[in-house]
PDB file of N, CA and C in Angstrom:
ATOM      1  N   UNK A   1     -33.817  -6.480   1.174  1.00  0.00           N
ATOM      2  CA  UNK A   1     -33.942  -7.898   0.926  1.00  0.00           C
ATOM      3  C   UNK A   1     -35.385  -8.227   0.570  1.00  0.00           C
ATOM      4  N   UNK A   2     -35.537  -9.146  -0.318  1.00  0.00           N
ATOM      5  CA  UNK A   2     -36.879  -9.520  -0.750  1.00  0.00           C
ATOM      6  C   UNK A   2     -37.604 -10.365   0.287  1.00  0.00           C
ATOM      7  N   UNK A   3     -36.869 -11.206   0.980  1.00  0.00           N
ATOM      8  CA  UNK A   3     -37.503 -12.083   1.953  1.00  0.00           C
ATOM      9  C   UNK A   3     -36.838 -11.943   3.308  1.00  0.00           C
ATOM     10  N   UNK A   4     -37.604 -12.172   4.318  1.00  0.00           N
ATOM     11  CA  UNK A   4     -37.092 -12.037   5.674  1.00  0.00           C
ATOM     12  C   UNK A   4     -36.310 -13.299   6.049  1.00  0.00           C
ATOM     13  N   UNK A   5     -35.124 -13.097   6.622  1.00  0.00           N
ATOM     14  CA  UNK A   5     -34.254 -14.217   6.961  1.00  0.00           C
ATOM     15  C   UNK A   5     -34.243 -14.550   8.445  1.00  0.00           C
ATOM     16  N   UNK A   6     -35.018 -13.848   9.242  1.00  0.00           N
ATOM     17  CA  UNK A   6     -34.992 -14.040  10.690  1.00  0.00           C
ATOM     18  C   UNK A   6     -35.717 -15.327  11.060  1.00  0.00           C
ATOM     19  N   UNK A   7     -35.024 -16.156  11.793  1.00  0.00           N
ATOM     20  CA  UNK A   7     -35.616 -17.394  12.295  1.00  0.00           C
ATOM     21  C   UNK A   7     -35.402 -17.426  13.794  1.00  0.00           C
ATOM     22  N   UNK A   8     -36.326 -17.953  14.546  1.00  0.00           N
ATOM     23  CA  UNK A   8     -36.157 -17.967  16.002  1.00  0.00           C
ATOM     24  C   UNK A   8     -34.982 -18.859  16.402  1.00  0.00           C
ATOM     25  N   UNK A   9     -34.306 -18.447  17.461  1.00  0.00           N
ATOM     26  CA  UNK A   9     -33.184 -19.224  17.987  1.00  0.00           C
ATOM     27  C   UNK A   9     -33.727 -20.227  18.989  1.00  0.00           C
ATOM     28  N   UNK A  10     -33.408 -21.506  18.834  1.00  0.00           N
ATOM     29  CA  UNK A  10     -33.877 -22.483  19.821  1.00  0.00           C
ATOM     30  C   UNK A  10     -33.137 -22.291  21.153  1.00  0.00           C
ATOM     31  N   UNK A  11     -33.863 -22.428  22.236  1.00  0.00           N
ATOM     32  CA  UNK A  11     -33.274 -22.274  23.568  1.00  0.00           C
ATOM     33  C   UNK A  11     -32.785 -23.637  24.044  1.00  0.00           C
ATOM     34  N   UNK A  12     -31.512 -23.701  24.434  1.00  0.00           N
ATOM     35  CA  UNK A  12     -30.915 -24.928  24.952  1.00  0.00           C
ATOM     36  C   UNK A  12     -30.822 -24.816  26.473  1.00  0.00           C
ATOM     37  N   UNK A  13     -31.241 -25.823  27.180  1.00  0.00           N
ATOM     38  CA  UNK A  13     -31.215 -25.815  28.642  1.00  0.00           C
ATOM     39  C   UNK A  13     -29.854 -26.282  29.140  1.00  0.00           C
ATOM     40  N   UNK A  14     -29.281 -25.518  30.071  1.00  0.00           N
ATOM     41  CA  UNK A  14     -27.986 -25.844  30.666  1.00  0.00           C
ATOM     42  C   UNK A  14     -28.232 -26.661  31.918  1.00  0.00           C
ATOM     43  N   UNK A  15     -27.652 -27.856  31.993  1.00  0.00           N
ATOM     44  CA  UNK A  15     -27.868 -28.751  33.126  1.00  0.00           C
ATOM     45  C   UNK A  15     -26.611 -28.939  33.965  1.00  0.00           C
ATOM     46  N   UNK A  16     -25.574 -28.174  33.699  1.00  0.00           N
ATOM     47  CA  UNK A  16     -24.314 -28.325  34.427  1.00  0.00           C
ATOM     48  C   UNK A  16     -24.328 -27.571  35.747  1.00  0.00           C
ATOM     49  N   UNK A  17     -23.179 -27.575  36.441  1.00  0.00           N
ATOM     50  CA  UNK A  17     -23.094 -26.864  37.723  1.00  0.00           C
ATOM     51  C   UNK A  17     -23.135 -25.348  37.508  1.00  0.00           C
ATOM     52  N   UNK A  18     -23.603 -24.623  38.535  1.00  0.00           N
ATOM     53  CA  UNK A  18     -23.684 -23.169  38.423  1.00  0.00           C
ATOM     54  C   UNK A  18     -22.308 -22.520  38.366  1.00  0.00           C
ATOM     55  N   UNK A  19     -21.348 -23.066  39.080  1.00  0.00           N
ATOM     56  CA  UNK A  19     -19.998 -22.515  39.069  1.00  0.00           C
ATOM     57  C   UNK A  19     -19.024 -23.678  38.904  1.00  0.00           C
ATOM     58  N   UNK A  20     -18.671 -24.016  37.639  1.00  0.00           N
ATOM     59  CA  UNK A  20     -17.769 -25.147  37.427  1.00  0.00           C
ATOM     60  C   UNK A  20     -16.361 -24.822  37.922  1.00  0.00           C
ATOM     61  N   UNK A  21     -15.625 -25.866  38.301  1.00  0.00           N
ATOM     62  CA  UNK A  21     -14.246 -25.706  38.748  1.00  0.00           C
ATOM     63  C   UNK A  21     -13.344 -25.386  37.566  1.00  0.00           C
ATOM     64  N   UNK A  22     -12.276 -24.635  37.844  1.00  0.00           N
ATOM     65  CA  UNK A  22     -11.278 -24.310  36.828  1.00  0.00           C
ATOM     66  C   UNK A  22     -10.522 -25.590  36.471  1.00  0.00           C
ATOM     67  N   UNK A  23     -10.374 -25.893  35.162  1.00  0.00           N
ATOM     68  CA  UNK A  23      -9.589 -27.076  34.786  1.00  0.00           C
ATOM     69  C   UNK A  23      -8.154 -26.953  35.302  1.00  0.00           C
ATOM     70  N   UNK A  24      -7.594 -28.052  35.744  1.00  0.00           N
ATOM     71  CA  UNK A  24      -6.256 -28.067  36.337  1.00  0.00           C
ATOM     72  C   UNK A  24      -5.200 -27.555  35.368  1.00  0.00           C
ATOM     73  N   UNK A  25      -5.322 -27.897  34.084  1.00  0.00           N
ATOM     74  CA  UNK A  25      -4.303 -27.482  33.117  1.00  0.00           C
ATOM     75  C   UNK A  25      -4.329 -25.973  32.857  1.00  0.00           C
ATOM     76  N   UNK A  26      -5.446 -25.295  33.173  1.00  0.00           N
ATOM     77  CA  UNK A  26      -5.542 -23.853  32.964  1.00  0.00           C
ATOM     78  C   UNK A  26      -5.020 -23.055  34.155  1.00  0.00           C
ATOM     79  N   UNK A  27      -4.787 -23.713  35.274  1.00  0.00           N
ATOM     80  CA  UNK A  27      -4.359 -23.013  36.480  1.00  0.00           C
ATOM     81  C   UNK A  27      -2.873 -22.681  36.464  1.00  0.00           C
ATOM     82  N   UNK A  28      -2.101 -23.398  35.684  1.00  0.00           N
ATOM     83  CA  UNK A  28      -0.656 -23.194  35.665  1.00  0.00           C
ATOM     84  C   UNK A  28      -0.292 -22.212  34.578  1.00  0.00           C
ATOM     85  N   UNK A  29       0.617 -21.330  34.903  1.00  0.00           N
ATOM     86  CA  UNK A  29       1.049 -20.314  33.947  1.00  0.00           C
ATOM     87  C   UNK A  29       2.240 -20.850  33.171  1.00  0.00           C
ATOM     88  N   UNK A  30       2.198 -20.721  31.851  1.00  0.00           N
ATOM     89  CA  UNK A  30       3.264 -21.229  31.006  1.00  0.00           C
ATOM     90  C   UNK A  30       3.763 -20.123  30.091  1.00  0.00           C
ATOM     91  N   UNK A  31       5.002 -20.207  29.693  1.00  0.00           N
ATOM     92  CA  UNK A  31       5.573 -19.279  28.735  1.00  0.00           C
ATOM     93  C   UNK A  31       5.288 -19.836  27.343  1.00  0.00           C
ATOM     94  N   UNK A  32       4.777 -18.999  26.421  1.00  0.00           N
ATOM     95  CA  UNK A  32       4.501 -19.497  25.067  1.00  0.00           C
ATOM     96  C   UNK A  32       5.791 -19.957  24.383  1.00  0.00           C
ATOM     97  N   UNK A  33       5.693 -20.879  23.437  1.00  0.00           N
ATOM     98  CA  UNK A  33       6.873 -21.344  22.709  1.00  0.00           C
ATOM     99  C   UNK A  33       7.529 -20.203  21.934  1.00  0.00           C
ATOM    100  N   UNK A  34       8.801 -20.361  21.629  1.00  0.00           N
ATOM    101  CA  UNK A  34       9.562 -19.338  20.921  1.00  0.00           C
ATOM    102  C   UNK A  34       8.954 -19.047  19.555  1.00  0.00           C
ATOM    103  N   UNK A  35       8.410 -20.061  18.897  1.00  0.00           N
ATOM    104  CA  UNK A  35       7.788 -19.872  17.588  1.00  0.00           C
ATOM    105  C   UNK A  35       6.596 -18.911  17.686  1.00  0.00           C
ATOM    106  N   UNK A  36       5.808 -19.044  18.735  1.00  0.00           N
ATOM    107  CA  UNK A  36       4.650 -18.170  18.931  1.00  0.00           C
ATOM    108  C   UNK A  36       5.109 -16.749  19.234  1.00  0.00           C
ATOM    109  N   UNK A  37       6.115 -16.610  20.099  1.00  0.00           N
ATOM    110  CA  UNK A  37       6.628 -15.278  20.430  1.00  0.00           C
ATOM    111  C   UNK A  37       7.212 -14.589  19.198  1.00  0.00           C
ATOM    112  N   UNK A  38       7.957 -15.325  18.373  1.00  0.00           N
ATOM    113  CA  UNK A  38       8.531 -14.745  17.160  1.00  0.00           C
ATOM    114  C   UNK A  38       7.444 -14.338  16.178  1.00  0.00           C
ATOM    115  N   UNK A  39       6.407 -15.154  16.056  1.00  0.00           N
ATOM    116  CA  UNK A  39       5.298 -14.831  15.159  1.00  0.00           C
ATOM    117  C   UNK A  39       4.588 -13.549  15.617  1.00  0.00           C
ATOM    118  N   UNK A  40       4.425 -13.388  16.927  1.00  0.00           N
ATOM    119  CA  UNK A  40       3.789 -12.182  17.453  1.00  0.00           C
ATOM    120  C   UNK A  40       4.626 -10.942  17.156  1.00  0.00           C
ATOM    121  N   UNK A  41       5.951 -11.065  17.292  1.00  0.00           N
ATOM    122  CA  UNK A  41       6.828  -9.925  17.027  1.00  0.00           C
ATOM    123  C   UNK A  41       6.751  -9.530  15.554  1.00  0.00           C
ATOM    124  N   UNK A  42       6.759 -10.505  14.664  1.00  0.00           N
ATOM    125  CA  UNK A  42       6.688 -10.222  13.225  1.00  0.00           C
ATOM    126  C   UNK A  42       5.341  -9.593  12.871  1.00  0.00           C
ATOM    127  N   UNK A  43       4.264 -10.125  13.420  1.00  0.00           N
ATOM    128  CA  UNK A  43       2.928  -9.577  13.131  1.00  0.00           C
ATOM    129  C   UNK A  43       2.793  -8.147  13.634  1.00  0.00           C
ATOM    130  N   UNK A  44       3.293  -7.885  14.836  1.00  0.00           N
ATOM    131  CA  UNK A  44       3.218  -6.541  15.393  1.00  0.00           C
ATOM    132  C   UNK A  44       4.052  -5.558  14.573  1.00  0.00           C
ATOM    133  N   UNK A  45       5.216  -5.989  14.146  1.00  0.00           N
ATOM    134  CA  UNK A  45       6.083  -5.127  13.339  1.00  0.00           C
ATOM    135  C   UNK A  45       5.420  -4.799  12.002  1.00  0.00           C
ATOM    136  N   UNK A  46       4.831  -5.802  11.365  1.00  0.00           N
ATOM    137  CA  UNK A  46       4.165  -5.572  10.081  1.00  0.00           C
ATOM    138  C   UNK A  46       2.968  -4.640  10.243  1.00  0.00           C
ATOM    139  N   UNK A  47       2.213  -4.817  11.311  1.00  0.00           N
ATOM    140  CA  UNK A  47       1.055  -3.951  11.559  1.00  0.00           C
ATOM    141  C   UNK A  47       1.501  -2.507  11.762  1.00  0.00           C
ATOM    142  N   UNK A  48       2.580  -2.309  12.508  1.00  0.00           N
ATOM    143  CA  UNK A  48       3.081  -0.944  12.715  1.00  0.00           C
ATOM    144  C   UNK A  48       3.548  -0.326  11.402  1.00  0.00           C
ATOM    145  N   UNK A  49       4.226  -1.120  10.562  1.00  0.00           N
ATOM    146  CA  UNK A  49       4.690  -0.605   9.277  1.00  0.00           C
ATOM    147  C   UNK A  49       3.515  -0.204   8.387  1.00  0.00           C
ATOM    148  N   UNK A  50       2.471  -1.038   8.352  1.00  0.00           N
ATOM    149  CA  UNK A  50       1.304  -0.720   7.528  1.00  0.00           C
ATOM    150  C   UNK A  50       0.563   0.502   8.063  1.00  0.00           C
ATOM    151  N   UNK A  51       0.454   0.631   9.376  1.00  0.00           N
ATOM    152  CA  UNK A  51      -0.186   1.813   9.949  1.00  0.00           C
ATOM    153  C   UNK A  51       0.597   3.071   9.602  1.00  0.00           C
ATOM    154  N   UNK A  52       1.920   2.986   9.704  1.00  0.00           N
ATOM    155  CA  UNK A  52       2.751   4.132   9.366  1.00  0.00           C
ATOM    156  C   UNK A  52       2.596   4.500   7.891  1.00  0.00           C
ATOM    157  N   UNK A  53       2.566   3.509   7.021  1.00  0.00           N
ATOM    158  CA  UNK A  53       2.395   3.748   5.590  1.00  0.00           C
ATOM    159  C   UNK A  53       1.047   4.415   5.308  1.00  0.00           C
ATOM    160  N   UNK A  54      -0.004   3.968   6.003  1.00  0.00           N
ATOM    161  CA  UNK A  54      -1.331   4.551   5.821  1.00  0.00           C
ATOM    162  C   UNK A  54      -1.335   6.013   6.264  1.00  0.00           C
ATOM    163  N   UNK A  55      -0.790   6.297   7.444  1.00  0.00           N
ATOM    164  CA  UNK A  55      -0.760   7.680   7.933  1.00  0.00           C
ATOM    165  C   UNK A  55       0.106   8.564   7.044  1.00  0.00           C
ATOM    166  N   UNK A  56       1.188   8.009   6.519  1.00  0.00           N
ATOM    167  CA  UNK A  56       2.051   8.764   5.618  1.00  0.00           C
ATOM    168  C   UNK A  56       1.294   9.124   4.342  1.00  0.00           C
ATOM    169  N   UNK A  57       0.527   8.186   3.819  1.00  0.00           N
ATOM    170  CA  UNK A  57      -0.228   8.460   2.598  1.00  0.00           C
ATOM    171  C   UNK A  57      -1.340   9.477   2.843  1.00  0.00           C
ATOM    172  N   UNK A  58      -1.939   9.441   4.019  1.00  0.00           N
ATOM    173  CA  UNK A  58      -2.985  10.420   4.349  1.00  0.00           C
ATOM    174  C   UNK A  58      -2.405  11.826   4.339  1.00  0.00           C
ATOM    175  N   UNK A  59      -1.242  11.993   4.944  1.00  0.00           N
ATOM    176  CA  UNK A  59      -0.683  13.337   5.077  1.00  0.00           C
ATOM    177  C   UNK A  59      -0.033  13.842   3.797  1.00  0.00           C
ATOM    178  N   UNK A  60       0.453  12.960   2.937  1.00  0.00           N
ATOM    179  CA  UNK A  60       1.181  13.390   1.741  1.00  0.00           C
ATOM    180  C   UNK A  60       0.355  13.375   0.466  1.00  0.00           C
ATOM    181  N   UNK A  61      -0.772  12.691   0.458  1.00  0.00           N
ATOM    182  CA  UNK A  61      -1.562  12.566  -0.758  1.00  0.00           C
ATOM    183  C   UNK A  61      -2.487  13.774  -0.923  1.00  0.00           C
ATOM    184  N   UNK A  62      -2.349  14.527  -2.023  1.00  0.00           N
ATOM    185  CA  UNK A  62      -3.226  15.696  -2.211  1.00  0.00           C
ATOM    186  C   UNK A  62      -4.643  15.320  -2.640  1.00  0.00           C
ATOM    187  N   UNK A  63      -4.808  14.158  -3.271  1.00  0.00           N
ATOM    188  CA  UNK A  63      -6.128  13.799  -3.802  1.00  0.00           C
ATOM    189  C   UNK A  63      -7.008  13.106  -2.772  1.00  0.00           C
ATOM    190  N   UNK A  64      -6.483  12.843  -1.612  1.00  0.00           N
ATOM    191  CA  UNK A  64      -7.280  12.133  -0.606  1.00  0.00           C
ATOM    192  C   UNK A  64      -7.011  10.640  -0.664  1.00  0.00           C
ATOM    193  N   UNK A  65      -7.108  10.021   0.442  1.00  0.00           N
ATOM    194  CA  UNK A  65      -6.821   8.603   0.570  1.00  0.00           C
ATOM    195  C   UNK A  65      -8.116   7.872   0.889  1.00  0.00           C
ATOM    196  N   UNK A  66      -8.271   6.663   0.387  1.00  0.00           N
ATOM    197  CA  UNK A  66      -9.474   5.902   0.760  1.00  0.00           C
ATOM    198  C   UNK A  66      -9.427   5.538   2.244  1.00  0.00           C
ATOM    199  N   UNK A  67     -10.542   5.104   2.749  1.00  0.00           N
ATOM    200  CA  UNK A  67     -10.561   4.671   4.136  1.00  0.00           C
ATOM    201  C   UNK A  67      -9.603   3.503   4.327  1.00  0.00           C
ATOM    202  N   UNK A  68      -9.375   3.116   5.560  1.00  0.00           N
ATOM    203  CA  UNK A  68      -8.340   2.129   5.878  1.00  0.00           C
ATOM    204  C   UNK A  68      -8.568   0.803   5.155  1.00  0.00           C
ATOM    205  N   UNK A  69      -9.822   0.365   5.064  1.00  0.00           N
ATOM    206  CA  UNK A  69     -10.114  -0.893   4.375  1.00  0.00           C
ATOM    207  C   UNK A  69      -9.763  -0.794   2.891  1.00  0.00           C
ATOM    208  N   UNK A  70     -10.124   0.315   2.254  1.00  0.00           N
ATOM    209  CA  UNK A  70      -9.779   0.514   0.849  1.00  0.00           C
ATOM    210  C   UNK A  70      -8.282   0.593   0.645  1.00  0.00           C
ATOM    211  N   UNK A  71      -7.576   1.192   1.598  1.00  0.00           N
ATOM    212  CA  UNK A  71      -6.124   1.262   1.532  1.00  0.00           C
ATOM    213  C   UNK A  71      -5.524  -0.140   1.574  1.00  0.00           C
ATOM    214  N   UNK A  72      -6.026  -0.982   2.479  1.00  0.00           N
ATOM    215  CA  UNK A  72      -5.513  -2.353   2.585  1.00  0.00           C
ATOM    216  C   UNK A  72      -5.784  -3.165   1.320  1.00  0.00           C
ATOM    217  N   UNK A  73      -6.960  -2.984   0.732  1.00  0.00           N
ATOM    218  CA  UNK A  73      -7.294  -3.711  -0.495  1.00  0.00           C
ATOM    219  C   UNK A  73      -6.374  -3.283  -1.637  1.00  0.00           C
ATOM    220  N   UNK A  74      -6.158  -1.980  -1.791  1.00  0.00           N
ATOM    221  CA  UNK A  74      -5.274  -1.518  -2.871  1.00  0.00           C
ATOM    222  C   UNK A  74      -3.837  -1.966  -2.634  1.00  0.00           C
ATOM    223  N   UNK A  75      -3.401  -1.973  -1.385  1.00  0.00           N
ATOM    224  CA  UNK A  75      -2.054  -2.442  -1.062  1.00  0.00           C
ATOM    225  C   UNK A  75      -1.911  -3.929  -1.381  1.00  0.00           C
ATOM    226  N   UNK A  76      -2.914  -4.718  -1.043  1.00  0.00           N
ATOM    227  CA  UNK A  76      -2.866  -6.148  -1.331  1.00  0.00           C
ATOM    228  C   UNK A  76      -2.844  -6.406  -2.836  1.00  0.00           C
ATOM    229  N   UNK A  77      -3.629  -5.647  -3.583  1.00  0.00           N
ATOM    230  CA  UNK A  77      -3.631  -5.819  -5.049  1.00  0.00           C
ATOM    231  C   UNK A  77      -2.284  -5.439  -5.649  1.00  0.00           C
ATOM    232  N   UNK A  78      -1.665  -4.366  -5.137  1.00  0.00           N
ATOM    233  CA  UNK A  78      -0.350  -3.958  -5.637  1.00  0.00           C
ATOM    234  C   UNK A  78       0.720  -4.993  -5.328  1.00  0.00           C
ATOM    235  N   UNK A  79       0.559  -5.736  -4.253  1.00  0.00           N
ATOM    236  CA  UNK A  79       1.524  -6.764  -3.881  1.00  0.00           C
ATOM    237  C   UNK A  79       1.222  -8.107  -4.534  1.00  0.00           C
ATOM    238  N   UNK A  80       0.148  -8.181  -5.329  1.00  0.00           N
ATOM    239  CA  UNK A  80      -0.166  -9.395  -6.066  1.00  0.00           C
ATOM    240  C   UNK A  80      -1.052 -10.383  -5.329  1.00  0.00           C
ATOM    241  N   UNK A  81      -1.613  -9.987  -4.194  1.00  0.00           N
ATOM    242  CA  UNK A  81      -2.514 -10.881  -3.464  1.00  0.00           C
ATOM    243  C   UNK A  81      -3.913 -10.779  -4.051  1.00  0.00           C
ATOM    244  N   UNK A  82      -4.623 -11.880  -4.041  1.00  0.00           N
ATOM    245  CA  UNK A  82      -6.006 -11.832  -4.506  1.00  0.00           C
ATOM    246  C   UNK A  82      -6.905 -11.481  -3.330  1.00  0.00           C
ATOM    247  N   UNK A  83      -7.966 -10.759  -3.610  1.00  0.00           N
ATOM    248  CA  UNK A  83      -8.900 -10.387  -2.545  1.00  0.00           C
ATOM    249  C   UNK A  83      -9.989 -11.436  -2.454  1.00  0.00           C
ATOM    250  N   UNK A  84     -10.472 -11.615  -1.264  1.00  0.00           N
ATOM    251  CA  UNK A  84     -11.545 -12.590  -1.041  1.00  0.00           C
ATOM    252  C   UNK A  84     -12.893 -11.966  -1.411  1.00  0.00           C
ATOM    253  N   UNK A  85     -13.852 -12.777  -1.817  1.00  0.00           N
ATOM    254  CA  UNK A  85     -15.170 -12.214  -2.114  1.00  0.00           C
ATOM    255  C   UNK A  85     -15.838 -11.707  -0.833  1.00  0.00           C
ATOM    256  N   UNK A  86     -16.718 -10.755  -0.995  1.00  0.00           N
ATOM    257  CA  UNK A  86     -17.411 -10.179   0.155  1.00  0.00           C
ATOM    258  C   UNK A  86     -18.297 -11.220   0.824  1.00  0.00           C
ATOM    259  N   UNK A  87     -18.388 -11.128   2.126  1.00  0.00           N
ATOM    260  CA  UNK A  87     -19.245 -12.040   2.869  1.00  0.00           C
ATOM    261  C   UNK A  87     -20.550 -11.328   3.206  1.00  0.00           C
ATOM    262  N   UNK A  88     -21.557 -12.107   3.486  1.00  0.00           N
ATOM    263  CA  UNK A  88     -22.850 -11.563   3.873  1.00  0.00           C
ATOM    264  C   UNK A  88     -23.083 -11.889   5.342  1.00  0.00           C
ATOM    265  N   UNK A  89     -23.369 -10.884   6.118  1.00  0.00           N
ATOM    266  CA  UNK A  89     -23.646 -11.089   7.537  1.00  0.00           C
ATOM    267  C   UNK A  89     -25.078 -10.663   7.816  1.00  0.00           C
ATOM    268  N   UNK A  90     -25.782 -11.501   8.519  1.00  0.00           N
ATOM    269  CA  UNK A  90     -27.156 -11.209   8.886  1.00  0.00           C
ATOM    270  C   UNK A  90     -27.249 -11.286  10.403  1.00  0.00           C
ATOM    271  N   UNK A  91     -27.859 -10.274  11.005  1.00  0.00           N
ATOM    272  CA  UNK A  91     -28.016 -10.276  12.456  1.00  0.00           C
ATOM    273  C   UNK A  91     -29.003 -11.359  12.855  1.00  0.00           C
ATOM    274  N   UNK A  92     -28.680 -12.050  13.906  1.00  0.00           N
ATOM    275  CA  UNK A  92     -29.608 -13.045  14.433  1.00  0.00           C
ATOM    276  C   UNK A  92     -30.591 -12.344  15.365  1.00  0.00           C
ATOM    277  N   UNK A  93     -31.745 -12.932  15.587  1.00  0.00           N
ATOM    278  CA  UNK A  93     -32.706 -12.299  16.485  1.00  0.00           C
ATOM    279  C   UNK A  93     -32.182 -12.266  17.919  1.00  0.00           C
ATOM    280  N   UNK A  94     -32.668 -11.314  18.688  1.00  0.00           N
ATOM    281  CA  UNK A  94     -32.275 -11.208  20.083  1.00  0.00           C
ATOM    282  C   UNK A  94     -32.904 -12.316  20.901  1.00  0.00           C
ATOM    283  N   UNK A  95     -32.190 -12.752  21.921  1.00  0.00           N
ATOM    284  CA  UNK A  95     -32.727 -13.734  22.858  1.00  0.00           C
ATOM    285  C   UNK A  95     -33.304 -12.944  24.021  1.00  0.00           C
ATOM    286  N   UNK A  96     -34.602 -12.998  24.192  1.00  0.00           N
ATOM    287  CA  UNK A  96     -35.281 -12.195  25.207  1.00  0.00           C
ATOM    288  C   UNK A  96     -35.249 -12.916  26.550  1.00  0.00           C
ATOM    289  N   UNK A  97     -34.049 -13.002  27.114  1.00  0.00           N
ATOM    290  CA  UNK A  97     -33.854 -13.638  28.422  1.00  0.00           C
ATOM    291  C   UNK A  97     -32.769 -12.865  29.163  1.00  0.00           C
ATOM    292  N   UNK A  98     -32.579 -13.159  30.413  1.00  0.00           N
ATOM    293  CA  UNK A  98     -31.531 -12.513  31.204  1.00  0.00           C
ATOM    294  C   UNK A  98     -30.169 -12.904  30.645  1.00  0.00           C
ATOM    295  N   UNK A  99     -29.286 -11.934  30.360  1.00  0.00           N
ATOM    296  CA  UNK A  99     -27.998 -12.252  29.739  1.00  0.00           C
ATOM    297  C   UNK A  99     -27.127 -13.179  30.569  1.00  0.00           C
ATOM    298  N   UNK A 100     -27.202 -13.111  31.886  1.00  0.00           N
ATOM    299  CA  UNK A 100     -26.337 -13.947  32.722  1.00  0.00           C
ATOM    300  C   UNK A 100     -26.915 -15.334  32.989  1.00  0.00           C
ATOM    301  N   UNK A 101     -28.116 -15.599  32.513  1.00  0.00           N
ATOM    302  CA  UNK A 101     -28.732 -16.908  32.705  1.00  0.00           C
ATOM    303  C   UNK A 101     -27.948 -17.954  31.915  1.00  0.00           C
ATOM    304  N   UNK A 102     -27.595 -19.080  32.531  1.00  0.00           N
ATOM    305  CA  UNK A 102     -26.832 -20.111  31.807  1.00  0.00           C
ATOM    306  C   UNK A 102     -27.526 -20.603  30.540  1.00  0.00           C
ATOM    307  N   UNK A 103     -28.854 -20.656  30.531  1.00  0.00           N
ATOM    308  CA  UNK A 103     -29.571 -21.074  29.317  1.00  0.00           C
ATOM    309  C   UNK A 103     -29.339 -20.084  28.176  1.00  0.00           C
ATOM    310  N   UNK A 104     -29.302 -18.783  28.495  1.00  0.00           N
ATOM    311  CA  UNK A 104     -29.061 -17.759  27.477  1.00  0.00           C
ATOM    312  C   UNK A 104     -27.662 -17.897  26.912  1.00  0.00           C
ATOM    313  N   UNK A 105     -26.693 -18.064  27.796  1.00  0.00           N
ATOM    314  CA  UNK A 105     -25.300 -18.178  27.363  1.00  0.00           C
ATOM    315  C   UNK A 105     -25.109 -19.414  26.495  1.00  0.00           C
ATOM    316  N   UNK A 106     -25.646 -20.545  26.922  1.00  0.00           N
ATOM    317  CA  UNK A 106     -25.508 -21.779  26.150  1.00  0.00           C
ATOM    318  C   UNK A 106     -26.188 -21.645  24.793  1.00  0.00           C
ATOM    319  N   UNK A 107     -27.379 -21.053  24.757  1.00  0.00           N
ATOM    320  CA  UNK A 107     -28.089 -20.888  23.482  1.00  0.00           C
ATOM    321  C   UNK A 107     -27.305 -19.985  22.535  1.00  0.00           C
ATOM    322  N   UNK A 108     -26.731 -18.904  23.065  1.00  0.00           N
ATOM    323  CA  UNK A 108     -25.939 -17.997  22.226  1.00  0.00           C
ATOM    324  C   UNK A 108     -24.680 -18.690  21.717  1.00  0.00           C
ATOM    325  N   UNK A 109     -24.051 -19.499  22.555  1.00  0.00           N
ATOM    326  CA  UNK A 109     -22.836 -20.213  22.128  1.00  0.00           C
ATOM    327  C   UNK A 109     -23.148 -21.256  21.056  1.00  0.00           C
ATOM    328  N   UNK A 110     -24.252 -21.960  21.213  1.00  0.00           N
ATOM    329  CA  UNK A 110     -24.643 -22.956  20.207  1.00  0.00           C
ATOM    330  C   UNK A 110     -24.951 -22.270  18.883  1.00  0.00           C
ATOM    331  N   UNK A 111     -25.633 -21.123  18.943  1.00  0.00           N
ATOM    332  CA  UNK A 111     -25.975 -20.392  17.727  1.00  0.00           C
ATOM    333  C   UNK A 111     -24.711 -19.845  17.062  1.00  0.00           C
ATOM    334  N   UNK A 112     -23.767 -19.351  17.858  1.00  0.00           N
ATOM    335  CA  UNK A 112     -22.501 -18.840  17.296  1.00  0.00           C
ATOM    336  C   UNK A 112     -21.712 -19.971  16.649  1.00  0.00           C
ATOM    337  N   UNK A 113     -21.710 -21.120  17.255  1.00  0.00           N
ATOM    338  CA  UNK A 113     -21.008 -22.270  16.667  1.00  0.00           C
ATOM    339  C   UNK A 113     -21.677 -22.704  15.372  1.00  0.00           C
ATOM    340  N   UNK A 114     -22.994 -22.669  15.321  1.00  0.00           N
ATOM    341  CA  UNK A 114     -23.699 -23.029  14.096  1.00  0.00           C
ATOM    342  C   UNK A 114     -23.352 -22.044  12.972  1.00  0.00           C
ATOM    343  N   UNK A 115     -23.300 -20.748  13.295  1.00  0.00           N
ATOM    344  CA  UNK A 115     -23.013 -19.743  12.282  1.00  0.00           C
ATOM    345  C   UNK A 115     -21.578 -19.843  11.774  1.00  0.00           C
ATOM    346  N   UNK A 116     -20.640 -20.132  12.647  1.00  0.00           N
ATOM    347  CA  UNK A 116     -19.244 -20.202  12.214  1.00  0.00           C
ATOM    348  C   UNK A 116     -18.942 -21.468  11.431  1.00  0.00           C
ATOM    349  N   UNK A 117     -19.700 -22.515  11.677  1.00  0.00           N
ATOM    350  CA  UNK A 117     -19.475 -23.745  10.907  1.00  0.00           C
ATOM    351  C   UNK A 117     -20.117 -23.635   9.551  1.00  0.00           C
TER     352      UNK A 117
END
């Protein structure tokens, strides 16, 4: 890279309780809706089928198979899906504080939220 992209992470002070209470709605155990369960079954089945197809191509292809990511891209292109453009990821600087300190956790969460938005 021509220019350095590292910028210091601002430290946010945590002013809440040291051990917050568990929210009441999170204490009760619920069964997921049928739509969610069905979606999980379909996703798991598709993942198993794609893994099997990849392993089958590895063992049967004499010319060699691309790595798993390349296999997925070629499979998506053959099925008519468009591929997304590559993303750029840059490591953020380390926070030189105790990892379990609430200020460190809050600062890391704020920085992660900024990056994802």
